[in-house]
Amino acid sequence: MKQDYVPQIPYGTRDFLPREAGRKRVVEAGLAQLFGNWGYDEVVTPTFEYLETLMVGATNDVEQHMFKFLDKNNRILALRPDMTTPIARTAATRMREAGVPLRLFYLTNVFRYELAQAGRQCEFYQAGVELLGAPGPAADAEIIALAVASMQEAGLTNFQVSLGQVDFINGIMAESELNPAQRQQVKAAIVRRDLVGLGEILSASGLSADMQKFLKSIPVLHGRQEVFEQAYKMAPNEVSRAALDNLADIFRLLTSYGVQEHVNFDLGLIRDFDYYTGMVFEGYTPGLGFPICGGGRYDKMLAAFGSDSPATGFALGIERVLLALERQGLSTPPADKDCYVAWQGNSLPEAIATANKLRAEGWRVELALEAESREAAEINTRQRCCTKLHYIGG
């Protein structure tokens, strides 16, 4: 029956009520200011694009998590599952003549179909930056330092960044006798931190016991400088050693930024996108069982759009920031409205003029739309989260 119908929102989405939306806006405004202070310019891309565009650098597994639909010409469209690919497309096709490096940022929503839970929705909001056209440790260090500054700007005080390099594992894979399918299985198990599954894959691989032990140790190679030194002794070839040299150069620059205390090495970190080509990192904070931010270098993606250019960047989850702040007791409500303007009798024109004057002076003002007594106005002032009552006509 129509009168029994209760409207529902789609799975994996949510409403932000006024106080929640206010906190979200405060965080986003602070991040936009921060990114601008670091020389980044905002870009806005379409919410949906052609599927083949979004599949650049992605795997079929990523496609399974996309929201797809058809346009009137039966071309397959998809809601963007991340922002790195759309910005790479924009830079490669619309900003070819712009000078490099390009520093771009975004504040937007993205979509992935996955199991919804606290901090994980099918529609979620991200803030992020992309630094395009700049190779080398200096660009990577800037991105990591800006990620640290972003978490601090959002209000977090207790967090760590785990720093890895995909070529460390790629070099090890090249030295192993695993076939391509087995290599992909091993990488997938490392991404999931599935040590049991990794052991099962290696047991069935036919590799020597020493090589199996070596590969099983990769996911637990994380910590401070001592882990880095241990990895140098284990690195089997120039590719892996060059990856470690790259991390050492980045870390020295992070020391110059003064953020080294927030950074640990995690040599089992490869993330779940195939487009990464070098440094990768994730940020963690207590109270969340998943990263609050992540990023890395992706030097080959722009070439797929006809513009061969190095690139690096990161994304920060807005809802995850808000959830972490709440769980850590750091969440602060947005500012109350400054004034409630109430009136009685025939004083509405005067009340409107007063509200306009206060707003022009920068006050946040709510105007009563009906006459009310002073007692009712005082109650409404509190209920409507206004700091002060301005009563006219009595």
Protein backbone atom coordinates (compact mmCIF):
# COMPACT_ATOMS: atom_id res chain seq x y z
CA MET A 1 0.00 0.00 0.00
CA LYS A 2 1.24 3.48 -0.90
CA GLN A 3 0.69 4.81 2.61
CA ASP A 4 2.88 2.00 4.01
CA TYR A 5 5.84 2.75 1.73
CA VAL A 6 9.00 3.83 3.57
CA PRO A 7 11.59 5.43 1.24
CA GLN A 8 15.03 3.88 1.46
CA ILE A 9 18.38 4.94 0.05
CA PRO A 10 20.47 2.56 -2.08
CA TYR A 11 22.79 0.04 -0.46
CA GLY A 12 26.13 1.51 0.52
CA THR A 13 25.03 5.15 0.52
CA ARG A 14 24.26 7.48 3.40
CA ASP A 15 22.72 10.82 4.32
CA PHE A 16 24.80 13.49 6.00
CA LEU A 17 22.52 15.30 8.45
CA PRO A 18 23.23 18.97 9.22
CA ARG A 19 25.81 18.50 11.99
CA GLU A 20 27.57 15.70 10.09
CA ALA A 21 27.55 17.71 6.88
CA GLY A 22 28.94 20.68 8.79
CA ARG A 23 31.85 18.65 10.15
CA LYS A 24 32.51 17.24 6.68
CA ARG A 25 32.54 20.73 5.17
CA VAL A 26 34.94 22.03 7.83
CA VAL A 27 37.43 19.25 7.05
CA GLU A 28 37.10 19.73 3.28
CA ALA A 29 37.51 23.50 3.51
CA GLY A 30 40.67 23.10 5.56
CA LEU A 31 42.11 20.62 3.07
CA ALA A 32 41.29 22.85 0.08
CA GLN A 33 43.12 25.71 1.80
CA LEU A 34 46.08 23.46 2.58
CA PHE A 35 46.37 22.14 -0.98
CA GLY A 36 46.22 25.68 -2.33
CA ASN A 37 48.96 26.75 0.06
CA TRP A 38 51.18 24.02 -1.40
CA GLY A 39 50.59 25.32 -4.94
CA TYR A 40 47.91 22.85 -6.10
CA ASP A 41 44.96 23.89 -8.30
CA GLU A 42 41.52 22.29 -8.11
CA VAL A 43 40.02 20.28 -10.99
CA VAL A 44 36.53 18.79 -11.32
CA THR A 45 35.88 15.82 -13.63
CA PRO A 46 32.65 14.01 -14.66
CA THR A 47 31.01 11.69 -12.16
CA PHE A 48 30.81 8.99 -14.86
CA GLU A 49 33.03 8.20 -17.84
CA TYR A 50 33.32 5.58 -20.56
CA LEU A 51 34.24 2.23 -19.09
CA GLU A 52 37.30 1.81 -21.32
CA THR A 53 38.69 5.08 -19.96
CA LEU A 54 38.31 4.02 -16.34
CA MET A 55 39.83 0.62 -17.07
CA VAL A 56 43.21 2.13 -18.00
CA GLY A 57 45.69 0.68 -15.51
CA ALA A 58 42.97 -1.33 -13.78
CA THR A 59 42.32 -5.08 -13.57
CA ASN A 60 39.19 -7.07 -14.26
CA ASP A 61 38.76 -7.39 -10.51
CA VAL A 62 38.39 -3.61 -10.28
CA GLU A 63 35.74 -3.71 -13.01
CA GLN A 64 33.66 -6.08 -10.90
CA HIS A 65 33.33 -3.31 -8.30
CA MET A 66 32.20 -0.60 -10.73
CA PHE A 67 28.67 0.72 -11.13
CA LYS A 68 28.02 0.39 -14.89
CA PHE A 69 25.19 1.44 -17.17
CA LEU A 70 24.48 2.18 -20.84
CA ASP A 71 23.98 5.50 -22.62
CA LYS A 72 21.48 5.95 -25.49
CA ASN A 73 24.09 4.76 -27.98
CA ASN A 74 24.65 1.56 -25.98
CA ARG A 75 28.15 2.60 -24.93
CA ILE A 76 29.09 1.35 -21.46
CA LEU A 77 29.51 4.06 -18.85
CA ALA A 78 30.68 3.69 -15.26
CA LEU A 79 30.75 5.81 -12.13
CA ARG A 80 34.35 6.71 -11.31
CA PRO A 81 35.87 4.21 -8.82
CA ASP A 82 38.79 6.54 -8.07
CA MET A 83 40.14 9.90 -9.23
CA THR A 84 43.64 9.07 -10.42
CA THR A 85 42.51 7.81 -13.84
CA PRO A 86 40.12 10.74 -14.57
CA ILE A 87 42.79 13.27 -13.65
CA ALA A 88 45.39 11.46 -15.76
CA ARG A 89 42.94 11.61 -18.68
CA THR A 90 42.28 15.30 -18.09
CA ALA A 91 45.96 16.17 -17.91
CA ALA A 92 46.88 14.11 -20.96
CA THR A 93 44.05 15.34 -23.18
CA ARG A 94 43.13 18.83 -21.94
CA MET A 95 46.31 20.19 -20.37
CA ARG A 96 49.02 19.11 -22.80
CA GLU A 97 50.27 22.66 -23.22
CA ALA A 98 50.41 23.42 -19.51
CA GLY A 99 53.85 23.69 -18.02
CA VAL A 100 55.15 20.89 -15.84
CA PRO A 101 55.03 19.95 -13.12
CA LEU A 102 51.24 20.06 -12.88
CA ARG A 103 49.91 20.22 -9.33
CA LEU A 104 46.21 19.33 -9.18
CA PHE A 105 43.80 18.56 -6.33
CA TYR A 106 40.20 17.38 -5.97
CA LEU A 107 37.43 17.06 -3.38
CA THR A 108 34.74 14.73 -4.64
CA ASN A 109 32.75 11.49 -4.37
CA VAL A 110 33.73 8.16 -5.90
CA PHE A 111 31.89 4.85 -6.21
CA ARG A 112 32.80 1.20 -5.66
CA TYR A 113 30.47 -1.68 -4.99
CA GLU A 114 31.77 -3.41 -1.89
CA LEU A 115 30.65 -4.66 1.50
CA ALA A 116 29.36 -1.60 3.32
CA GLN A 117 30.45 -1.05 6.92
CA ALA A 118 31.68 1.77 9.12
CA GLY A 119 34.14 3.81 7.07
CA ARG A 120 33.43 1.80 3.93
CA GLN A 121 30.55 2.80 1.67
CA CYS A 122 29.72 2.24 -1.99
CA GLU A 123 29.65 6.02 -2.39
CA PHE A 124 32.38 7.78 -0.47
CA TYR A 125 34.23 11.08 -0.46
CA GLN A 126 37.90 11.72 -1.11
CA ALA A 127 40.34 14.59 -1.05
CA GLY A 128 43.52 14.10 -3.00
CA VAL A 129 46.35 15.54 -5.05
CA GLU A 130 48.22 14.50 -8.17
CA LEU A 131 51.70 15.78 -9.06
CA LEU A 132 52.24 15.23 -12.79
CA GLY A 133 55.38 15.59 -14.89
CA ALA A 134 57.87 15.28 -12.03
CA PRO A 135 60.06 12.17 -11.68
CA GLY A 136 62.28 11.39 -8.74
CA PRO A 137 62.33 11.39 -4.95
CA ALA A 138 61.64 15.13 -4.56
CA ALA A 139 58.12 14.78 -5.99
CA ASP A 140 57.41 11.61 -3.99
CA ALA A 141 58.64 13.23 -0.77
CA GLU A 142 56.39 16.25 -1.40
CA ILE A 143 53.37 13.99 -1.84
CA ILE A 144 54.06 12.03 1.36
CA ALA A 145 54.77 15.20 3.36
CA LEU A 146 51.53 16.74 2.07
CA ALA A 147 49.63 13.57 3.05
CA VAL A 148 51.02 13.95 6.58
CA ALA A 149 50.06 17.64 6.61
CA SER A 150 46.56 16.70 5.38
CA MET A 151 45.95 14.32 8.26
CA GLN A 152 47.19 16.94 10.69
CA GLU A 153 44.99 19.61 9.09
CA ALA A 154 41.99 17.31 9.45
CA GLY A 155 42.64 17.14 13.20
CA LEU A 156 44.43 13.80 13.58
CA THR A 157 47.40 13.67 15.94
CA ASN A 158 48.16 9.95 16.19
CA PHE A 159 48.88 8.29 12.84
CA GLN A 160 51.60 6.53 10.88
CA VAL A 161 52.48 6.31 7.19
CA SER A 162 53.69 2.94 5.88
CA LEU A 163 56.10 3.38 2.97
CA GLY A 164 56.92 0.71 0.38
CA GLN A 165 58.24 0.29 -3.16
CA VAL A 166 56.61 -2.04 -5.68
CA ASP A 167 59.89 -2.75 -7.48
CA PHE A 168 61.30 -4.37 -4.34
CA ILE A 169 58.74 -7.16 -4.73
CA ASN A 170 58.89 -7.06 -8.54
CA GLY A 171 62.61 -7.72 -8.39
CA ILE A 172 62.07 -10.67 -6.07
CA MET A 173 59.34 -12.05 -8.33
CA ALA A 174 61.67 -11.84 -11.30
CA GLU A 175 64.29 -13.89 -9.46
CA SER A 176 61.81 -16.57 -8.47
CA GLU A 177 60.79 -19.50 -10.68
CA LEU A 178 57.11 -18.70 -10.37
CA ASN A 179 55.06 -18.55 -13.55
CA PRO A 180 52.99 -15.38 -14.29
CA ALA A 181 49.79 -16.84 -12.80
CA GLN A 182 51.59 -17.86 -9.59
CA ARG A 183 53.22 -14.43 -9.33
CA GLN A 184 49.81 -12.79 -9.51
CA GLN A 185 48.47 -15.13 -6.82
CA VAL A 186 51.42 -14.33 -4.56
CA LYS A 187 50.97 -10.59 -5.08
CA ALA A 188 47.23 -10.83 -4.39
CA ALA A 189 47.89 -12.70 -1.13
CA ILE A 190 50.45 -10.06 -0.09
CA VAL A 191 47.97 -7.25 -0.85
CA ARG A 192 45.39 -8.99 1.38
CA ARG A 193 48.00 -9.71 4.07
CA ASP A 194 46.82 -13.29 3.84
CA LEU A 195 49.80 -15.13 5.31
CA VAL A 196 47.96 -18.47 5.44
CA GLY A 197 46.89 -18.20 1.82
CA LEU A 198 50.40 -17.12 0.81
CA GLY A 199 51.85 -20.17 2.52
CA GLU A 200 49.42 -22.45 0.69
CA ILE A 201 50.26 -20.91 -2.67
CA LEU A 202 53.99 -21.26 -2.06
CA SER A 203 53.70 -24.83 -0.78
CA ALA A 204 52.08 -25.81 -4.07
CA SER A 205 54.54 -23.82 -6.18
CA GLY A 206 57.45 -26.22 -6.22
CA LEU A 207 59.90 -23.56 -5.04
CA SER A 208 62.78 -24.45 -2.75
CA ALA A 209 62.23 -24.20 1.00
CA ASP A 210 64.63 -21.24 1.21
CA MET A 211 62.78 -19.30 -1.50
CA GLN A 212 59.42 -20.04 0.13
CA LYS A 213 60.74 -18.80 3.48
CA PHE A 214 62.09 -15.69 1.78
CA LEU A 215 58.77 -14.88 0.08
CA LYS A 216 56.81 -15.55 3.28
CA SER A 217 58.96 -12.98 5.09
CA ILE A 218 58.01 -10.12 2.75
CA PRO A 219 54.63 -9.22 4.32
CA VAL A 220 56.26 -8.84 7.74
CA LEU A 221 59.14 -6.63 6.60
CA HIS A 222 57.90 -3.48 8.29
CA GLY A 223 59.33 -1.18 10.92
CA ARG A 224 61.99 1.49 11.22
CA GLN A 225 65.54 1.72 9.93
CA GLU A 226 66.54 -1.77 11.13
CA VAL A 227 64.00 -3.38 8.78
CA PHE A 228 65.37 -1.33 5.90
CA GLU A 229 68.89 -2.56 6.62
CA GLN A 230 67.63 -6.15 6.81
CA ALA A 231 65.95 -5.77 3.41
CA TYR A 232 69.24 -4.61 1.82
CA LYS A 233 70.82 -7.90 2.87
CA MET A 234 67.91 -9.86 1.40
CA ALA A 235 67.55 -7.96 -1.90
CA PRO A 236 68.40 -10.51 -4.62
CA ASN A 237 69.10 -8.21 -7.58
CA GLU A 238 69.65 -4.66 -8.80
CA VAL A 239 65.93 -3.99 -9.27
CA SER A 240 65.16 -4.65 -5.62
CA ARG A 241 68.25 -2.80 -4.41
CA ALA A 242 67.43 0.20 -6.60
CA ALA A 243 63.96 0.25 -5.06
CA LEU A 244 65.50 0.39 -1.58
CA ASP A 245 67.88 3.16 -2.70
CA ASN A 246 64.85 5.10 -3.92
CA LEU A 247 63.13 4.74 -0.54
CA ALA A 248 66.30 5.87 1.23
CA ASP A 249 66.44 9.02 -0.91
CA ILE A 250 62.76 9.77 -0.23
CA PHE A 251 63.18 9.25 3.51
CA ARG A 252 66.13 11.66 3.65
CA LEU A 253 63.91 14.35 2.10
CA LEU A 254 61.07 13.52 4.49
CA THR A 255 63.52 14.28 7.29
CA SER A 256 63.99 17.74 5.75
CA TYR A 257 60.20 18.17 5.86
CA GLY A 258 60.27 17.16 9.53
CA VAL A 259 57.74 14.35 9.15
CA GLN A 260 60.06 11.34 9.54
CA GLU A 261 58.56 10.37 12.91
CA HIS A 262 55.28 9.62 11.15
CA VAL A 263 56.88 7.28 8.58
CA ASN A 264 57.65 3.55 8.80
CA PHE A 265 58.91 1.20 6.10
CA ASP A 266 56.59 -1.58 4.93
CA LEU A 267 58.25 -3.55 2.16
CA GLY A 268 55.27 -5.86 1.78
CA LEU A 269 53.08 -2.92 0.76
CA ILE A 270 52.09 -3.00 -2.92
CA ARG A 271 48.44 -1.74 -2.76
CA ASP A 272 45.59 -3.04 -4.89
CA PHE A 273 46.00 -1.08 -8.12
CA ASP A 274 48.21 -2.38 -10.91
CA TYR A 275 49.15 1.09 -12.15
CA TYR A 276 51.70 1.78 -9.40
CA THR A 277 55.31 1.77 -10.63
CA GLY A 278 57.44 2.87 -7.67
CA MET A 279 56.93 4.31 -4.21
CA VAL A 280 53.61 3.45 -2.53
CA PHE A 281 52.27 4.37 0.92
CA GLU A 282 49.27 4.11 3.21
CA GLY A 283 48.32 6.10 6.30
CA TYR A 284 46.88 4.44 9.42
CA THR A 285 45.41 5.77 12.65
CA PRO A 286 44.24 3.91 15.79
CA GLY A 287 40.62 2.80 15.84
CA LEU A 288 40.34 1.98 12.14
CA GLY A 289 41.10 -1.41 10.64
CA PHE A 290 41.81 0.02 7.20
CA PRO A 291 43.97 2.81 5.73
CA ILE A 292 42.84 6.39 6.06
CA CYS A 293 44.83 7.50 3.01
CA GLY A 294 47.03 5.97 0.34
CA GLY A 295 48.90 6.70 -2.84
CA GLY A 296 52.08 6.27 -4.80
CA ARG A 297 53.91 6.73 -8.08
CA TYR A 298 52.25 5.75 -11.38
CA ASP A 299 54.58 6.67 -14.25
CA LYS A 300 52.91 4.70 -17.05
CA MET A 301 49.26 5.74 -16.84
CA LEU A 302 49.46 9.00 -18.79
CA ALA A 303 51.21 7.18 -21.64
CA ALA A 304 48.00 5.17 -22.13
CA PHE A 305 46.30 8.50 -22.90
CA GLY A 306 49.02 9.53 -25.35
CA SER A 307 51.14 11.64 -23.00
CA ASP A 308 54.18 9.87 -21.59
CA SER A 309 54.71 11.61 -18.25
CA PRO A 310 55.68 10.60 -14.70
CA ALA A 311 53.12 11.07 -11.93
CA THR A 312 52.61 10.60 -8.21
CA GLY A 313 49.74 11.36 -5.82
CA PHE A 314 47.51 10.30 -2.93
CA ALA A 315 43.87 10.22 -1.79
CA LEU A 316 42.46 10.78 1.71
CA GLY A 317 39.11 9.29 2.76
CA ILE A 318 36.89 12.03 4.22
CA GLU A 319 34.44 9.70 5.99
CA ARG A 320 37.35 7.73 7.40
CA VAL A 321 38.85 10.92 8.80
CA LEU A 322 35.53 11.84 10.42
CA LEU A 323 35.13 8.33 11.86
CA ALA A 324 38.69 8.34 13.24
CA LEU A 325 38.19 11.76 14.84
CA GLU A 326 34.97 10.56 16.47
CA ARG A 327 36.50 7.33 17.79
CA GLN A 328 39.52 9.18 19.15
CA GLY A 329 37.38 11.81 20.87
CA LEU A 330 38.77 14.56 18.65
CA SER A 331 35.62 15.37 16.72
CA THR A 332 34.42 18.93 17.20
CA PRO A 333 31.02 20.14 16.03
CA PRO A 334 30.82 22.91 13.45
CA ALA A 335 30.36 26.41 14.79
CA ASP A 336 26.90 27.35 16.04
CA LYS A 337 24.93 30.05 14.27
CA ASP A 338 25.73 33.46 15.66
CA CYS A 339 22.27 34.89 16.06
CA TYR A 340 18.58 34.11 16.05
CA VAL A 341 16.48 37.13 15.03
CA ALA A 342 12.94 36.93 16.40
CA TRP A 343 10.13 39.46 16.40
CA GLN A 344 6.58 40.21 17.48
CA GLY A 345 3.67 42.30 16.25
CA ASN A 346 4.29 43.99 12.89
CA SER A 347 8.08 44.01 13.22
CA LEU A 348 8.95 41.56 10.42
CA PRO A 349 10.28 44.29 8.03
CA GLU A 350 12.58 45.57 10.79
CA ALA A 351 13.64 42.00 11.60
CA ILE A 352 14.50 41.38 7.94
CA ALA A 353 16.57 44.57 7.80
CA THR A 354 18.37 43.58 11.01
CA ALA A 355 19.13 40.08 9.71
CA ASN A 356 20.46 41.51 6.42
CA LYS A 357 22.70 43.95 8.27
CA LEU A 358 24.14 41.26 10.53
CA ARG A 359 24.75 38.91 7.58
CA ALA A 360 26.55 41.68 5.71
CA GLU A 361 28.83 41.98 8.74
CA GLY A 362 29.65 38.27 8.47
CA TRP A 363 27.29 36.86 11.11
CA ARG A 364 25.53 33.53 10.65
CA VAL A 365 21.90 34.49 11.21
CA GLU A 366 18.61 32.59 11.31
CA LEU A 367 15.43 34.65 10.97
CA ALA A 368 12.14 33.65 12.58
CA LEU A 369 9.39 33.43 9.98
CA GLU A 370 6.50 33.93 12.38
CA ALA A 371 5.89 36.27 15.31
CA GLU A 372 6.71 34.73 18.69
CA SER A 373 6.99 35.71 22.31
CA ARG A 374 10.36 36.41 23.88
CA GLU A 375 10.07 33.21 25.93
CA ALA A 376 9.48 31.14 22.78
CA ALA A 377 12.32 32.97 21.04
CA GLU A 378 14.73 32.10 23.86
CA ILE A 379 13.77 28.43 23.58
CA ASN A 380 14.21 28.50 19.80
CA THR A 381 17.60 30.18 20.16
CA ARG A 382 18.87 27.16 22.10
CA GLN A 383 17.09 24.51 20.01
CA ARG A 384 18.33 25.99 16.73
CA CYS A 385 21.96 26.10 17.98
CA CYS A 386 22.21 29.89 17.91
CA THR A 387 24.59 31.69 20.24
CA LYS A 388 22.65 34.92 20.69
CA LEU A 389 19.03 36.14 20.49
CA HIS A 390 18.20 39.45 18.81
CA TYR A 391 14.57 40.19 19.68
CA ILE A 392 12.64 42.98 17.94
CA GLY A 393 9.41 44.55 19.00
CA GLY A 394 9.42 43.99 22.69
